[in-house]
């Protein structure tokens, strides 16, 4: 590695079991034009401070595990380059709105629990035997949901969402985009099962359409659009339910 250039990475350190509050620690890192921020963190880990803790895996913006705040914006550390932050310093911290387990590692439990509630998997109308063959669809049918299927669960959209920061019970952009991915799949018949999540105050109506979730997605997923696509149907269900015989009487007696 050429050491012709150096840049300072200011990394937020936090060990909840030992530290009263987070602190910033600076590291001078040699870099070349093709080095990502993730490679800068790896240099620190390998050569300067082995105690620095962060997640990473594929280094190709596929696994979604290296998400963090870089200069205040949610980014995949493998997807941005140190040269673009020169002369620095580059401020790196854990993703906003999530509990920190250590340094740049967040606790993803809340998202994973919400992901279960949206039934983000295919629910076919009926079982097929092996002799009946696979569930088939046309390329045009796949186009309907393909963009939402690019989600890699990196959680950048949650870190960008002010509503999730203010109201953690909001299901959030990522889970709702994946919900829509399966609702649009011609092989799926589970949309009715997902209505309760969509229609809840913490569902699509918890979104105020700031849209930053869609701007920060490294895969071009548009969670804000997915949420909006569900609002007409949710409104119709509310109206039909309100007009249901006996509903007004029930409302009046409550």
Foldseek 3Di string as FASTA:
>chain_A
DDQPAKAKEWFWWDAPVPDPDIDTDIDIFRDDFPAFQVVRVVCCCVPPNVVADADDDDLPLQQLGQWWAKPRATARRSVHHPVVQPPDDIYTFAQPLFPANTGNHGDCVLLVVLLVQLVLDADAPDDDDVVRPDDDDDPVLLVQQVLLVSDNPNCSLCSQAVLCNVPVLQSGQNSLSSSLSNVSHPRHDCNVSNLVQLLDCSHLVSHPLPQVSQVHDPSNRRSSVSSVVSVVVSVVVVVVQCPPPPNVVVVVVD
